[in-house]
Amino acid sequence: MKRAVSTLVALAVLTFGYSLPSFAHEGHDHKIVGTVTMAAADHVMLKDKDGKDVTVKVTKDTKVRSKAAMKVEDLKAGARVVITATQEKDQSFTAKTIEVGGAPAAAAAPPAKK
C-alpha cells in the first residue's frame, strides 16, 4: 500500500511539476511576440501572435535591438517585435528588451515596374 501511495505522489509531482512553469506569474521574464500597432516613449502597443492587444510599459532602461539605432518611439506600426518583459503584480508588463524584425510582407512596398 505504501508503495502505491508513493508511486501516485511521485506521478502527481511529475505531472504538475512539468506544467507549472507554463503559468504566467510576476517577477519573471516573459517573451511577447507580435506586431506593433502604436509606439510612444513610455509604452508599446501590439497584437500578439494570438491576435490579442497587449500594452507593454517602457522605461529608460529598456533596450531596443534593431539593425539601425532607434528609440522606442521610432517603432512603426506593422513592425514585428519580440519583447522580453517582466510581469508586475498588477499583471502589467514592463519591457527589458525590444528586438525589432522587419515589416510584414503585406505592408512592404510593391516592386518597381520596369
Protein backbone atom coordinates (compact mmCIF):
# COMPACT_ATOMS: atom_id res chain seq x y z
CA MET A 1 0.00 0.00 0.00
CA LYS A 2 2.84 2.41 0.86
CA ARG A 3 4.41 1.66 -2.48
CA ALA A 4 1.19 2.52 -4.36
CA VAL A 5 0.78 5.80 -2.47
CA SER A 6 4.44 6.71 -3.10
CA THR A 7 4.02 5.97 -6.79
CA LEU A 8 0.89 8.13 -7.01
CA VAL A 9 2.58 11.01 -5.19
CA ALA A 10 5.63 10.80 -7.47
CA LEU A 11 3.39 10.71 -10.54
CA ALA A 12 1.43 13.75 -9.34
CA VAL A 13 4.63 15.71 -8.65
CA LEU A 14 6.00 14.88 -12.09
CA THR A 15 2.72 15.75 -13.82
CA PHE A 16 2.14 19.07 -12.07
CA GLY A 17 5.83 19.92 -11.90
CA TYR A 18 6.12 19.97 -15.69
CA SER A 19 3.00 22.08 -16.22
CA LEU A 20 3.66 24.74 -13.56
CA PRO A 21 6.31 26.74 -15.48
CA SER A 22 3.77 27.44 -18.23
CA PHE A 23 1.65 29.64 -15.92
CA ALA A 24 2.42 33.37 -16.09
CA HIS A 25 3.48 34.97 -12.83
CA GLU A 26 5.01 38.25 -11.80
CA GLY A 27 8.71 38.85 -11.35
CA HIS A 28 9.86 36.61 -14.18
CA ASP A 29 10.76 37.33 -17.80
CA HIS A 30 8.17 36.66 -20.49
CA LYS A 31 8.55 36.74 -24.28
CA ILE A 32 5.83 38.63 -26.10
CA VAL A 33 5.83 38.17 -29.86
CA GLY A 34 3.68 40.40 -32.03
CA THR A 35 3.15 43.27 -34.45
CA VAL A 36 3.39 46.88 -33.29
CA THR A 37 0.14 48.85 -33.55
CA MET A 38 1.45 52.00 -31.79
CA ALA A 39 4.63 53.11 -30.03
CA ALA A 40 5.39 56.01 -27.69
CA ALA A 41 8.28 56.86 -25.39
CA ASP A 42 6.58 55.24 -22.39
CA HIS A 43 4.75 52.23 -23.91
CA VAL A 44 4.30 49.97 -26.93
CA MET A 45 1.01 48.51 -28.07
CA LEU A 46 0.96 45.37 -30.18
CA LYS A 47 -1.14 42.47 -31.38
CA ASP A 48 0.35 39.23 -30.12
CA LYS A 49 0.53 36.02 -32.13
CA ASP A 50 -2.96 35.08 -30.87
CA GLY A 51 -4.44 38.40 -32.06
CA LYS A 52 -4.80 39.85 -28.55
CA ASP A 53 -3.97 43.51 -27.87
CA VAL A 54 -1.05 43.88 -25.45
CA THR A 55 0.37 47.07 -23.93
CA VAL A 56 3.92 46.96 -22.59
CA LYS A 57 5.40 49.74 -20.47
CA VAL A 58 8.79 51.13 -21.49
CA THR A 59 11.40 52.64 -19.15
CA LYS A 60 14.70 54.44 -19.63
CA ASP A 61 16.38 51.05 -19.09
CA THR A 62 14.54 49.34 -21.96
CA LYS A 63 16.95 48.38 -24.75
CA VAL A 64 15.88 48.41 -28.41
CA ARG A 65 17.75 45.94 -30.60
CA SER A 66 17.49 46.56 -34.34
CA LYS A 67 19.70 46.78 -37.42
CA ALA A 68 19.66 50.58 -37.26
CA ALA A 69 19.86 52.51 -33.99
CA MET A 70 16.40 53.61 -32.87
CA LYS A 71 14.34 54.70 -29.93
CA VAL A 72 11.09 53.07 -28.86
CA GLU A 73 9.00 55.94 -30.27
CA ASP A 74 10.65 55.35 -33.68
CA LEU A 75 8.94 51.94 -33.99
CA LYS A 76 6.45 51.93 -36.86
CA ALA A 77 3.05 50.24 -36.93
CA GLY A 78 3.43 46.86 -38.60
CA ALA A 79 6.94 46.16 -37.30
CA ARG A 80 7.34 42.68 -35.87
CA VAL A 81 8.90 42.56 -32.41
CA VAL A 82 9.91 40.16 -29.68
CA ILE A 83 9.68 41.85 -26.29
CA THR A 84 11.30 40.42 -23.19
CA ALA A 85 9.28 41.81 -20.31
CA THR A 86 8.74 41.37 -16.60
CA GLN A 87 5.18 40.94 -15.36
CA GLU A 88 4.34 43.17 -12.41
CA LYS A 89 2.00 42.41 -9.50
CA ASP A 90 -0.78 44.38 -11.23
CA GLN A 91 -0.41 42.00 -14.23
CA SER A 92 1.11 44.74 -16.43
CA PHE A 93 4.30 44.16 -18.41
CA THR A 94 7.47 46.27 -18.36
CA ALA A 95 9.88 45.79 -21.27
CA LYS A 96 13.53 44.93 -20.70
CA THR A 97 14.39 44.50 -24.38
CA ILE A 98 12.58 45.00 -27.67
CA GLU A 99 14.01 43.07 -30.61
CA VAL A 100 12.82 44.55 -33.90
CA GLY A 101 12.26 42.44 -37.02
CA GLY A 102 11.00 43.64 -40.39
CA ALA A 103 7.63 44.84 -41.57
CA PRO A 104 5.19 42.10 -42.59
CA ALA A 105 5.26 41.17 -46.28
CA ALA A 106 1.78 42.61 -46.90
CA ALA A 107 2.97 46.04 -45.72
CA ALA A 108 6.07 46.07 -47.91
CA ALA A 109 6.07 48.31 -50.96
CA PRO A 110 5.42 46.56 -54.28
CA PRO A 111 8.41 46.10 -56.56
CA ALA A 112 9.06 48.90 -59.08
CA LYS A 113 7.83 48.25 -62.63
CA LYS A 114 10.31 48.38 -65.45
